[in-house]
N, C-alpha and C. Protein backbone atom coordinates (compact mmCIF):
# COMPACT_ATOMS: atom_id res chain seq x y z
N MET A 1 0.88 -1.18 -0.02
CA MET A 1 0.05 -0.04 -0.03
C MET A 1 0.86 1.22 -0.06
N SER A 2 0.62 2.17 -0.90
CA SER A 2 1.43 3.34 -0.94
C SER A 2 1.18 4.28 0.21
N ARG A 3 2.12 5.13 0.45
CA ARG A 3 2.00 6.14 1.52
C ARG A 3 0.86 7.06 1.20
N THR A 4 0.48 7.41 0.14
CA THR A 4 -0.63 8.28 -0.27
C THR A 4 -1.92 7.54 0.18
N THR A 5 -2.02 6.27 -0.22
CA THR A 5 -3.20 5.45 0.16
C THR A 5 -3.38 5.45 1.67
N LYS A 6 -2.32 5.28 2.34
CA LYS A 6 -2.41 5.19 3.84
C LYS A 6 -2.84 6.53 4.44
N ILE A 7 -2.36 7.61 3.86
CA ILE A 7 -2.77 9.00 4.32
C ILE A 7 -4.19 9.26 4.01
N VAL A 8 -4.67 8.75 2.83
CA VAL A 8 -6.12 8.94 2.50
C VAL A 8 -6.98 8.29 3.44
N ILE A 9 -6.57 7.00 3.66
CA ILE A 9 -7.43 6.11 4.55
C ILE A 9 -7.46 6.68 5.97
N SER A 10 -6.28 7.12 6.50
CA SER A 10 -6.18 7.69 7.79
C SER A 10 -6.99 8.98 7.93
N THR A 11 -6.88 9.85 6.97
CA THR A 11 -7.62 11.16 7.02
C THR A 11 -9.12 10.94 6.92
N THR A 12 -9.56 9.91 6.10
CA THR A 12 -10.90 9.65 5.97
C THR A 12 -11.55 9.11 7.21
N LEU A 13 -10.75 8.19 7.89
CA LEU A 13 -11.21 7.57 9.12
C LEU A 13 -11.32 8.64 10.20
N ALA A 14 -10.36 9.50 10.31
CA ALA A 14 -10.30 10.48 11.39
C ALA A 14 -11.47 11.58 11.11
N ALA A 15 -11.76 11.87 9.88
CA ALA A 15 -12.87 12.80 9.65
C ALA A 15 -14.15 12.16 9.90
N ALA A 16 -14.39 10.89 9.64
CA ALA A 16 -15.61 10.20 9.87
C ALA A 16 -15.84 10.03 11.29
N LEU A 17 -14.82 9.71 12.06
CA LEU A 17 -14.92 9.56 13.54
C LEU A 17 -15.21 10.88 14.25
N SER A 18 -14.46 11.97 13.84
CA SER A 18 -14.65 13.24 14.43
C SER A 18 -16.06 13.86 14.31
N THR A 19 -16.72 13.57 13.18
CA THR A 19 -18.14 14.00 12.95
C THR A 19 -19.02 13.31 13.83
N ALA A 20 -18.72 11.99 14.24
CA ALA A 20 -19.70 11.18 15.00
C ALA A 20 -19.57 11.31 16.48
N ALA A 21 -18.65 12.23 16.93
CA ALA A 21 -18.48 12.39 18.44
C ALA A 21 -19.62 12.97 19.09
N GLY A 22 -20.04 12.43 20.15
CA GLY A 22 -21.13 12.97 21.02
C GLY A 22 -21.27 12.00 22.11
N ALA A 23 -20.97 12.39 23.31
CA ALA A 23 -20.92 11.41 24.52
C ALA A 23 -20.19 10.20 24.26
N ALA A 24 -19.06 10.32 23.64
CA ALA A 24 -18.19 9.20 23.29
C ALA A 24 -16.80 9.55 23.78
N GLU A 25 -15.85 8.71 23.33
CA GLU A 25 -14.53 9.01 23.68
C GLU A 25 -13.51 8.70 22.63
N PHE A 26 -12.42 9.49 22.63
CA PHE A 26 -11.31 9.18 21.71
C PHE A 26 -10.20 8.68 22.52
N VAL A 27 -9.37 7.85 22.01
CA VAL A 27 -8.21 7.23 22.61
C VAL A 27 -6.99 7.27 21.70
N ILE A 28 -5.90 7.76 22.24
CA ILE A 28 -4.62 7.77 21.56
C ILE A 28 -3.64 6.90 22.39
N GLY A 29 -3.00 6.06 21.65
CA GLY A 29 -1.91 5.14 22.34
C GLY A 29 -0.64 5.19 21.62
N PHE A 30 0.40 5.05 22.32
CA PHE A 30 1.70 4.83 21.78
C PHE A 30 2.34 3.57 22.39
N GLY A 31 2.89 2.72 21.59
CA GLY A 31 3.48 1.47 22.07
C GLY A 31 4.47 0.87 21.16
N GLN A 32 4.74 -0.34 21.34
CA GLN A 32 5.70 -1.14 20.68
C GLN A 32 5.03 -2.39 20.08
N ASP A 33 4.98 -2.44 18.72
CA ASP A 33 4.49 -3.57 18.00
C ASP A 33 5.47 -4.62 18.03
N ASP A 34 5.04 -5.97 18.20
CA ASP A 34 5.93 -7.07 18.27
C ASP A 34 6.97 -6.92 19.30
N PHE A 35 6.38 -6.41 20.50
CA PHE A 35 7.37 -6.08 21.59
C PHE A 35 7.99 -7.29 22.18
N ASN A 36 7.50 -8.48 21.96
CA ASN A 36 8.16 -9.76 22.47
C ASN A 36 9.03 -10.43 21.45
N GLY A 37 9.11 -9.83 20.23
CA GLY A 37 10.10 -10.28 19.26
C GLY A 37 9.72 -11.53 18.51
N VAL A 38 8.46 -11.93 18.46
CA VAL A 38 8.02 -13.20 17.75
C VAL A 38 8.30 -13.16 16.25
N THR A 39 8.11 -12.02 15.65
CA THR A 39 8.31 -11.91 14.21
C THR A 39 9.47 -11.15 13.87
N ASN A 40 10.30 -10.73 14.86
CA ASN A 40 11.47 -9.89 14.57
C ASN A 40 11.23 -8.62 13.80
N THR A 41 10.05 -8.02 13.99
CA THR A 41 9.80 -6.78 13.30
C THR A 41 9.28 -5.73 14.26
N GLN A 42 10.03 -5.63 15.42
CA GLN A 42 9.63 -4.54 16.39
C GLN A 42 9.65 -3.19 15.72
N ALA A 43 8.58 -2.43 16.16
CA ALA A 43 8.42 -1.04 15.62
C ALA A 43 7.56 -0.27 16.56
N PRO A 44 7.88 0.96 16.67
CA PRO A 44 6.83 1.85 17.47
C PRO A 44 5.52 1.89 16.81
N ALA A 45 4.53 2.02 17.56
CA ALA A 45 3.08 2.03 17.07
C ALA A 45 2.30 3.13 17.57
N LEU A 46 1.45 3.62 16.72
CA LEU A 46 0.52 4.72 17.08
C LEU A 46 -0.88 4.11 16.88
N MET A 47 -1.72 4.24 17.95
CA MET A 47 -3.09 3.81 17.90
C MET A 47 -4.10 4.99 18.09
N LEU A 48 -5.11 4.97 17.30
CA LEU A 48 -6.25 5.94 17.52
C LEU A 48 -7.48 5.16 17.52
N GLU A 49 -8.34 5.51 18.48
CA GLU A 49 -9.62 4.72 18.56
C GLU A 49 -10.75 5.78 18.88
N TYR A 50 -11.94 5.33 18.45
CA TYR A 50 -13.12 6.10 18.80
C TYR A 50 -14.07 5.08 19.45
N HIS A 51 -14.63 5.42 20.61
CA HIS A 51 -15.57 4.48 21.29
C HIS A 51 -16.84 5.22 21.34
N LYS A 52 -17.94 4.67 20.77
CA LYS A 52 -19.27 5.32 20.86
C LYS A 52 -19.82 5.30 22.25
N SER A 53 -20.96 5.84 22.44
CA SER A 53 -21.65 5.87 23.73
C SER A 53 -21.96 4.34 24.11
N PRO A 54 -22.08 4.02 25.30
CA PRO A 54 -22.35 2.58 25.72
C PRO A 54 -23.71 2.19 25.25
N PHE A 55 -23.76 0.94 24.70
CA PHE A 55 -25.03 0.34 24.41
C PHE A 55 -25.46 -0.64 25.43
N TYR A 56 -24.52 -0.94 26.31
CA TYR A 56 -24.84 -1.79 27.49
C TYR A 56 -24.16 -1.25 28.67
N LYS A 57 -24.92 -0.98 29.76
CA LYS A 57 -24.33 -0.49 31.03
C LYS A 57 -25.04 -1.09 32.14
N GLN A 58 -24.32 -1.81 33.11
CA GLN A 58 -24.94 -2.46 34.19
C GLN A 58 -23.93 -2.43 35.38
N ASP A 59 -24.36 -1.88 36.48
CA ASP A 59 -23.44 -1.82 37.61
C ASP A 59 -22.03 -1.22 37.22
N LYS A 60 -21.01 -2.14 37.23
CA LYS A 60 -19.65 -1.71 36.98
C LYS A 60 -19.12 -1.89 35.58
N SER A 61 -20.02 -2.49 34.72
CA SER A 61 -19.61 -2.89 33.36
C SER A 61 -20.23 -2.00 32.32
N THR A 62 -19.47 -1.70 31.25
CA THR A 62 -20.04 -1.04 30.06
C THR A 62 -19.50 -1.80 28.84
N VAL A 63 -20.28 -1.65 27.74
CA VAL A 63 -19.85 -2.21 26.48
C VAL A 63 -20.26 -1.16 25.46
N LYS A 64 -19.23 -0.93 24.58
CA LYS A 64 -19.44 0.11 23.55
C LYS A 64 -18.97 -0.48 22.16
N GLN A 65 -19.44 0.23 21.00
CA GLN A 65 -18.93 -0.14 19.76
C GLN A 65 -17.63 0.73 19.58
N GLY A 66 -16.60 0.17 19.06
CA GLY A 66 -15.42 0.93 18.83
C GLY A 66 -14.81 0.70 17.44
N PHE A 67 -14.01 1.72 17.08
CA PHE A 67 -13.28 1.77 15.80
C PHE A 67 -11.85 2.10 16.07
N ALA A 68 -10.96 1.39 15.39
CA ALA A 68 -9.52 1.60 15.68
C ALA A 68 -8.65 1.71 14.44
N LEU A 69 -7.58 2.42 14.54
CA LEU A 69 -6.60 2.53 13.56
C LEU A 69 -5.20 2.32 14.19
N GLN A 70 -4.38 1.53 13.61
CA GLN A 70 -2.97 1.42 14.13
C GLN A 70 -2.03 1.48 13.02
N ILE A 71 -1.00 2.32 13.17
CA ILE A 71 0.05 2.50 12.14
C ILE A 71 1.30 2.32 12.91
N ASP A 72 2.23 1.43 12.43
CA ASP A 72 3.45 1.26 13.15
C ASP A 72 4.69 1.79 12.29
N GLY A 73 5.75 1.81 12.99
CA GLY A 73 6.95 2.53 12.40
C GLY A 73 7.49 1.88 11.18
N ASP A 74 7.09 0.58 10.92
CA ASP A 74 7.63 0.04 9.61
C ASP A 74 6.58 0.16 8.50
N GLY A 75 5.51 0.92 8.82
CA GLY A 75 4.49 1.22 7.71
C GLY A 75 3.28 0.30 7.69
N ASP A 76 3.15 -0.64 8.54
CA ASP A 76 1.93 -1.46 8.54
C ASP A 76 0.72 -0.67 9.04
N VAL A 77 -0.45 -0.99 8.49
CA VAL A 77 -1.71 -0.29 8.90
C VAL A 77 -2.74 -1.39 9.10
N TRP A 78 -3.53 -1.12 10.22
CA TRP A 78 -4.57 -1.95 10.60
C TRP A 78 -5.84 -1.12 11.00
N ILE A 79 -6.96 -1.28 10.24
CA ILE A 79 -8.17 -0.55 10.57
C ILE A 79 -9.21 -1.46 10.96
N ALA A 80 -9.98 -1.16 12.02
CA ALA A 80 -10.85 -2.24 12.54
C ALA A 80 -12.13 -1.65 13.25
N ALA A 81 -13.07 -2.54 13.50
CA ALA A 81 -14.31 -2.20 14.21
C ALA A 81 -14.61 -3.37 15.15
N GLY A 82 -15.27 -3.16 16.27
CA GLY A 82 -15.62 -4.20 17.15
C GLY A 82 -16.24 -3.70 18.49
N PHE A 83 -15.95 -4.39 19.57
CA PHE A 83 -16.53 -4.06 20.75
C PHE A 83 -15.42 -3.75 21.89
N VAL A 84 -15.75 -2.82 22.71
CA VAL A 84 -14.89 -2.33 23.82
C VAL A 84 -15.63 -2.48 25.05
N GLY A 85 -15.08 -2.97 26.11
CA GLY A 85 -15.68 -3.02 27.43
C GLY A 85 -14.85 -2.59 28.51
N THR A 86 -15.41 -2.12 29.52
CA THR A 86 -14.70 -1.72 30.84
C THR A 86 -15.45 -2.30 31.98
N TYR A 87 -14.62 -2.60 33.03
CA TYR A 87 -15.19 -3.02 34.34
C TYR A 87 -14.50 -2.21 35.34
N ASP A 88 -15.30 -1.46 36.11
CA ASP A 88 -14.83 -0.62 37.15
C ASP A 88 -14.39 -1.33 38.40
N ILE A 89 -13.14 -1.28 38.76
CA ILE A 89 -12.70 -1.83 40.02
C ILE A 89 -13.13 -0.95 41.17
N ASN A 90 -12.94 0.36 41.07
CA ASN A 90 -13.42 1.35 42.05
C ASN A 90 -13.67 2.57 41.29
N ASP A 91 -13.75 3.75 41.99
CA ASP A 91 -14.04 4.98 41.25
C ASP A 91 -12.98 5.45 40.41
N ARG A 92 -11.72 5.02 40.55
CA ARG A 92 -10.59 5.51 39.68
C ARG A 92 -10.04 4.37 38.75
N TRP A 93 -9.93 3.15 39.32
CA TRP A 93 -9.33 2.07 38.55
C TRP A 93 -10.29 1.24 37.74
N PHE A 94 -9.92 0.73 36.62
CA PHE A 94 -10.70 -0.07 35.71
C PHE A 94 -9.90 -1.11 34.93
N PHE A 95 -10.58 -2.15 34.58
CA PHE A 95 -10.07 -3.09 33.59
C PHE A 95 -10.62 -2.71 32.24
N GLU A 96 -10.00 -2.87 31.15
CA GLU A 96 -10.51 -2.71 29.78
C GLU A 96 -10.23 -3.83 28.93
N GLY A 97 -11.06 -4.06 27.92
CA GLY A 97 -10.74 -5.11 26.99
C GLY A 97 -11.48 -4.84 25.72
N SER A 98 -11.10 -5.43 24.59
CA SER A 98 -11.81 -5.20 23.33
C SER A 98 -11.57 -6.44 22.43
N LEU A 99 -12.53 -6.73 21.45
CA LEU A 99 -12.51 -7.56 20.50
C LEU A 99 -12.82 -6.91 19.22
N MET A 100 -11.92 -6.92 18.28
CA MET A 100 -12.10 -6.19 17.04
C MET A 100 -11.62 -6.97 15.74
N THR A 101 -12.30 -6.81 14.67
CA THR A 101 -11.96 -7.40 13.38
C THR A 101 -11.59 -6.26 12.41
N GLY A 102 -10.44 -6.47 11.75
CA GLY A 102 -9.97 -5.45 10.86
C GLY A 102 -9.27 -5.88 9.57
N LEU A 103 -8.89 -4.83 8.78
CA LEU A 103 -8.20 -5.01 7.59
C LEU A 103 -6.76 -4.70 7.89
N TYR A 104 -5.78 -5.44 7.33
CA TYR A 104 -4.40 -5.22 7.56
C TYR A 104 -3.65 -5.14 6.29
N TRP A 105 -2.75 -4.07 6.18
CA TRP A 105 -1.87 -3.89 5.05
C TRP A 105 -0.47 -3.90 5.58
N GLN A 106 0.29 -4.88 5.13
CA GLN A 106 1.68 -5.05 5.48
C GLN A 106 2.60 -4.25 4.53
N ALA A 107 3.45 -3.39 5.16
CA ALA A 107 4.42 -2.71 4.38
C ALA A 107 5.61 -3.56 4.05
N PRO A 108 6.25 -3.26 3.03
CA PRO A 108 7.54 -3.98 2.67
C PRO A 108 8.38 -3.99 3.89
N GLY A 109 8.90 -5.15 4.36
CA GLY A 109 9.66 -5.37 5.54
C GLY A 109 8.90 -5.28 6.87
N GLY A 110 7.59 -5.17 6.76
CA GLY A 110 6.74 -5.05 7.90
C GLY A 110 6.37 -6.39 8.53
N THR A 111 5.52 -6.43 9.49
CA THR A 111 5.09 -7.70 10.26
C THR A 111 4.31 -8.55 9.28
N PRO A 112 4.80 -9.82 9.03
CA PRO A 112 4.12 -10.71 8.09
C PRO A 112 3.00 -11.48 8.76
N LEU A 113 1.82 -10.89 8.73
CA LEU A 113 0.66 -11.58 9.35
C LEU A 113 -0.04 -12.46 8.32
N ASN A 114 0.30 -12.39 7.09
CA ASN A 114 -0.10 -13.36 6.02
C ASN A 114 -1.53 -13.43 5.65
N TYR A 115 -2.30 -12.44 6.01
CA TYR A 115 -3.69 -12.37 5.63
C TYR A 115 -4.27 -11.03 5.84
N PRO A 116 -5.13 -10.57 4.97
CA PRO A 116 -5.58 -9.17 5.16
C PRO A 116 -6.63 -8.97 6.25
N ILE A 117 -7.27 -10.08 6.71
CA ILE A 117 -8.20 -9.92 7.89
C ILE A 117 -7.56 -10.40 9.09
N GLU A 118 -7.47 -9.49 10.11
CA GLU A 118 -6.81 -9.77 11.33
C GLU A 118 -7.66 -9.42 12.54
N PHE A 119 -7.78 -10.24 13.52
CA PHE A 119 -8.58 -10.09 14.74
C PHE A 119 -7.59 -9.56 15.87
N ARG A 120 -8.16 -8.67 16.71
CA ARG A 120 -7.45 -8.14 17.83
C ARG A 120 -8.21 -8.40 19.17
N GLU A 121 -7.56 -9.01 20.07
CA GLU A 121 -7.99 -9.19 21.47
C GLU A 121 -7.02 -8.24 22.32
N GLN A 122 -7.66 -7.39 23.11
CA GLN A 122 -6.87 -6.48 23.97
C GLN A 122 -7.36 -6.53 25.41
N VAL A 123 -6.44 -6.46 26.33
CA VAL A 123 -6.73 -6.25 27.72
C VAL A 123 -5.83 -5.21 28.34
N GLY A 124 -6.29 -4.61 29.35
CA GLY A 124 -5.47 -3.53 30.02
C GLY A 124 -6.08 -3.17 31.37
N ILE A 125 -5.32 -2.31 32.08
CA ILE A 125 -5.76 -1.75 33.32
C ILE A 125 -5.57 -0.21 33.24
N GLY A 126 -6.51 0.47 33.77
CA GLY A 126 -6.51 1.98 33.61
C GLY A 126 -6.79 2.71 34.89
N TYR A 127 -6.42 3.99 34.81
CA TYR A 127 -6.74 4.92 35.96
C TYR A 127 -7.35 6.17 35.54
N ARG A 128 -8.58 6.50 36.11
CA ARG A 128 -9.27 7.72 35.77
C ARG A 128 -8.65 8.93 36.38
N ILE A 129 -8.23 9.94 35.57
CA ILE A 129 -7.71 11.15 36.14
C ILE A 129 -8.80 11.98 36.67
N ASP A 130 -9.86 12.04 35.91
CA ASP A 130 -11.06 12.71 36.30
C ASP A 130 -12.30 12.10 35.52
N GLU A 131 -13.43 12.73 35.54
CA GLU A 131 -14.61 12.21 35.00
C GLU A 131 -14.43 11.98 33.43
N ASN A 132 -13.65 12.83 32.79
CA ASN A 132 -13.47 12.73 31.30
C ASN A 132 -12.18 12.26 30.79
N ARG A 133 -11.20 11.95 31.61
CA ARG A 133 -9.91 11.64 31.12
C ARG A 133 -9.39 10.39 31.89
N ALA A 134 -8.58 9.51 31.13
CA ALA A 134 -8.00 8.33 31.82
C ALA A 134 -6.73 7.98 31.07
N ILE A 135 -5.94 7.17 31.73
CA ILE A 135 -4.76 6.62 31.14
C ILE A 135 -4.85 5.07 31.43
N SER A 136 -4.24 4.35 30.52
CA SER A 136 -4.19 2.90 30.78
C SER A 136 -2.96 2.23 30.13
N ILE A 137 -2.59 1.03 30.43
CA ILE A 137 -1.61 0.27 29.84
C ILE A 137 -2.34 -1.01 29.31
N THR A 138 -2.03 -1.26 28.05
CA THR A 138 -2.71 -2.46 27.41
C THR A 138 -1.77 -3.39 26.70
N ILE A 139 -2.17 -4.59 26.54
CA ILE A 139 -1.42 -5.57 25.68
C ILE A 139 -2.50 -6.18 24.68
N ASP A 140 -2.07 -6.21 23.41
CA ASP A 140 -3.05 -6.80 22.57
C ASP A 140 -2.38 -7.88 21.74
N HIS A 141 -3.24 -8.71 21.02
CA HIS A 141 -2.73 -9.71 20.14
C HIS A 141 -3.49 -9.67 18.89
N LYS A 142 -2.81 -9.54 17.76
CA LYS A 142 -3.46 -9.61 16.41
C LYS A 142 -3.11 -10.85 15.75
N SER A 143 -4.11 -11.56 15.14
CA SER A 143 -3.79 -12.71 14.30
C SER A 143 -5.01 -13.04 13.44
N ASN A 144 -4.79 -13.85 12.47
CA ASN A 144 -5.89 -14.12 11.50
C ASN A 144 -6.63 -15.40 11.85
N ALA A 145 -6.48 -15.92 13.14
CA ALA A 145 -7.29 -17.04 13.54
C ALA A 145 -7.03 -18.30 12.67
N ASP A 146 -5.80 -18.42 12.19
CA ASP A 146 -5.42 -19.56 11.30
C ASP A 146 -6.06 -19.56 9.98
N ILE A 147 -6.71 -18.53 9.51
CA ILE A 147 -7.23 -18.46 8.20
C ILE A 147 -6.04 -18.70 7.22
N SER A 148 -4.93 -18.06 7.43
CA SER A 148 -3.80 -18.12 6.46
C SER A 148 -3.38 -19.61 6.28
N LEU A 149 -3.64 -20.49 7.27
CA LEU A 149 -3.17 -21.88 7.15
C LEU A 149 -3.92 -22.63 5.91
N PHE A 150 -5.07 -22.11 5.59
CA PHE A 150 -5.75 -22.59 4.33
C PHE A 150 -4.99 -22.40 3.09
N TYR A 151 -4.18 -21.43 3.16
CA TYR A 151 -3.34 -20.95 1.95
C TYR A 151 -1.89 -21.41 2.09
N GLY A 152 -1.65 -22.27 3.04
CA GLY A 152 -0.28 -22.76 3.26
C GLY A 152 0.70 -21.78 3.91
N LEU A 153 0.15 -20.75 4.49
CA LEU A 153 0.92 -19.70 5.14
C LEU A 153 0.86 -19.74 6.68
N PRO A 154 1.92 -19.52 7.39
CA PRO A 154 1.78 -19.54 8.81
C PRO A 154 0.99 -18.29 9.44
N ASN A 155 0.60 -18.40 10.64
CA ASN A 155 -0.14 -17.34 11.37
C ASN A 155 0.65 -16.93 12.60
N PRO A 156 1.63 -16.11 12.36
CA PRO A 156 2.59 -15.79 13.49
C PRO A 156 1.85 -14.93 14.54
N GLY A 157 0.95 -14.02 14.18
CA GLY A 157 0.50 -13.09 15.13
C GLY A 157 1.46 -12.07 15.54
N THR A 158 1.00 -11.05 16.35
CA THR A 158 1.87 -10.06 16.84
C THR A 158 1.20 -9.39 18.09
N GLU A 159 2.01 -8.96 19.02
CA GLU A 159 1.51 -8.37 20.25
C GLU A 159 1.99 -7.03 20.31
N THR A 160 1.18 -6.05 20.84
CA THR A 160 1.55 -4.69 21.01
C THR A 160 1.35 -4.28 22.45
N LEU A 161 2.34 -3.66 22.99
CA LEU A 161 2.26 -3.17 24.39
C LEU A 161 2.15 -1.63 24.27
N ALA A 162 1.16 -1.02 24.95
CA ALA A 162 0.91 0.34 24.75
C ALA A 162 0.49 1.14 26.00
N ILE A 163 0.70 2.41 26.05
CA ILE A 163 0.23 3.33 27.01
C ILE A 163 -0.77 4.18 26.25
N ARG A 164 -1.99 4.31 26.89
CA ARG A 164 -3.08 4.98 26.19
C ARG A 164 -3.63 6.10 27.03
N TYR A 165 -4.13 7.16 26.32
CA TYR A 165 -4.83 8.28 26.95
C TYR A 165 -6.17 8.33 26.32
N ARG A 166 -7.19 8.50 27.12
CA ARG A 166 -8.62 8.60 26.54
C ARG A 166 -9.24 9.78 27.09
N ALA A 167 -10.05 10.48 26.26
CA ALA A 167 -10.73 11.68 26.63
C ALA A 167 -12.20 11.47 26.20
N ARG A 168 -13.10 11.69 27.08
CA ARG A 168 -14.57 11.76 26.80
C ARG A 168 -15.11 13.04 26.46
N PHE A 169 -15.95 13.09 25.44
CA PHE A 169 -16.67 14.34 24.99
C PHE A 169 -18.01 14.26 25.05
């Protein structure tokens, strides 16, 4: 995928998400893709997410629809949609998790995930700074659920460790 295509996709996604904001939250994260060295393609990663207003809320749990974009330092791009959940430990601390399905474009020399459809599972723990802002640390795993095996290709997967900042609007 060319650099121009990546910029167009990123700009389009950002514009679409910014117009949809209302009682929702934006998340920006910085981390290390392939932080454990499984594919030997370690690279810094930038993550942007948009979480819609909760469609499920009970006691300490909430579930929202979410959209994500990850671009890493070697040029790989992943765009996804799925579900984001939080569980309040107390007034300040919370657990977070997400399940998302997305499209993946590998850059030359990037992480070889071997299929354009990649799933992400993410878990983390966070701290609320105030009612509208929070920070968290997360770890995620992206893989194609062995779809690539049907084509004789391995499914190495990749993990990203990140620090995230979220702001509610």
